[in-house]
Amino acid sequence: MIPTLLLIGLALGRWWRVVIPLATIGWAIALIVTDTGSGLGFALGAGLLAAANLAVGVLVFQGGRSLFRLSRGQASHAAR
């Protein structure tokens, strides 16, 4: 389950302001609907773990994106 959220974060990291809240709510609902757990405490815990895992994926995406832009900018300066 954790790799799924990490991959979603990597794939949709550009739109993190929308993806993290949706995944937090969606993951808690998915676990409750599939009868994995129930209750407010379970939903909050599942949502927080989902947000944390997704945030890691988003951070990796954003870091890779920044490195790409940085290397691309240095390459254009070297060509001059």
Protein backbone atom coordinates (compact mmCIF):
# COMPACT_ATOMS: atom_id res chain seq x y z
CA MET A 1 0.00 0.00 0.00
CA ILE A 2 2.83 2.38 0.77
CA PRO A 3 4.42 1.96 -2.69
CA THR A 4 1.07 2.82 -4.27
CA LEU A 5 0.94 6.16 -2.48
CA LEU A 6 4.60 6.86 -3.23
CA LEU A 7 3.99 6.22 -6.93
CA ILE A 8 0.94 8.48 -6.92
CA GLY A 9 3.07 11.19 -5.34
CA LEU A 10 5.75 10.70 -7.98
CA ALA A 11 3.26 10.69 -10.85
CA LEU A 12 1.15 13.62 -9.68
CA GLY A 13 3.75 15.60 -7.71
CA ARG A 14 3.26 18.69 -9.79
CA TRP A 15 -0.30 19.11 -8.45
CA TRP A 16 0.54 18.39 -4.82
CA ARG A 17 -1.88 20.98 -3.39
CA VAL A 18 -4.80 18.99 -4.77
CA VAL A 19 -3.41 15.45 -4.62
CA ILE A 20 -2.39 15.34 -0.96
CA PRO A 21 -5.79 16.33 0.49
CA LEU A 22 -7.67 14.08 -1.94
CA ALA A 23 -5.44 11.11 -1.20
CA THR A 24 -5.73 11.70 2.55
CA ILE A 25 -9.51 11.54 2.44
CA GLY A 26 -9.69 8.91 -0.30
CA TRP A 27 -7.30 6.49 1.37
CA ALA A 28 -9.16 6.64 4.69
CA ILE A 29 -12.48 6.08 2.90
CA ALA A 30 -11.06 3.21 0.85
CA LEU A 31 -9.81 1.43 3.98
CA ILE A 32 -13.11 1.88 5.81
CA VAL A 33 -15.19 0.76 2.81
CA THR A 34 -13.10 -2.40 2.42
CA ASP A 35 -13.69 -3.11 6.13
CA THR A 36 -10.02 -2.85 7.03
CA GLY A 37 -10.88 -0.70 10.03
CA SER A 38 -13.44 1.71 11.37
CA GLY A 39 -13.80 4.68 13.62
CA LEU A 40 -12.60 8.24 13.70
CA GLY A 41 -9.19 7.39 15.16
CA PHE A 42 -8.54 4.84 12.43
CA ALA A 43 -9.62 7.27 9.71
CA LEU A 44 -7.38 10.03 11.07
CA GLY A 45 -4.39 7.70 11.38
CA ALA A 46 -4.89 6.26 7.90
CA GLY A 47 -5.26 9.74 6.45
CA LEU A 48 -2.11 11.02 8.14
CA LEU A 49 -0.08 8.03 6.98
CA ALA A 50 -1.41 8.45 3.45
CA ALA A 51 -0.49 12.13 3.46
CA ALA A 52 3.01 11.38 4.77
CA ASN A 53 3.68 8.68 2.16
CA LEU A 54 2.31 10.82 -0.64
CA ALA A 55 4.38 13.79 0.53
CA VAL A 56 7.55 11.69 0.24
CA GLY A 57 6.67 10.87 -3.36
CA VAL A 58 5.93 14.53 -4.07
CA LEU A 59 9.24 15.61 -2.51
CA VAL A 60 11.17 13.15 -4.68
CA PHE A 61 9.32 14.44 -7.76
CA GLN A 62 9.97 18.08 -6.85
CA GLY A 63 13.63 17.38 -6.09
CA GLY A 64 14.11 15.62 -9.42
CA ARG A 65 12.35 18.43 -11.21
CA SER A 66 14.60 21.02 -9.53
CA LEU A 67 17.75 19.05 -10.39
CA PHE A 68 16.62 18.76 -14.00
CA ARG A 69 15.98 22.48 -14.26
CA LEU A 70 19.29 23.27 -12.59
CA SER A 71 21.28 20.99 -14.88
CA ARG A 72 19.46 22.32 -17.90
CA GLY A 73 20.26 25.88 -16.91
CA GLN A 74 23.94 25.11 -16.39
CA ALA A 75 24.14 23.36 -19.76
CA SER A 76 22.77 26.43 -21.54
CA HIS A 77 25.33 28.67 -19.77
CA ALA A 78 28.18 26.33 -20.75
CA ALA A 79 27.18 26.50 -24.41
CA ARG A 80 27.63 30.28 -24.51
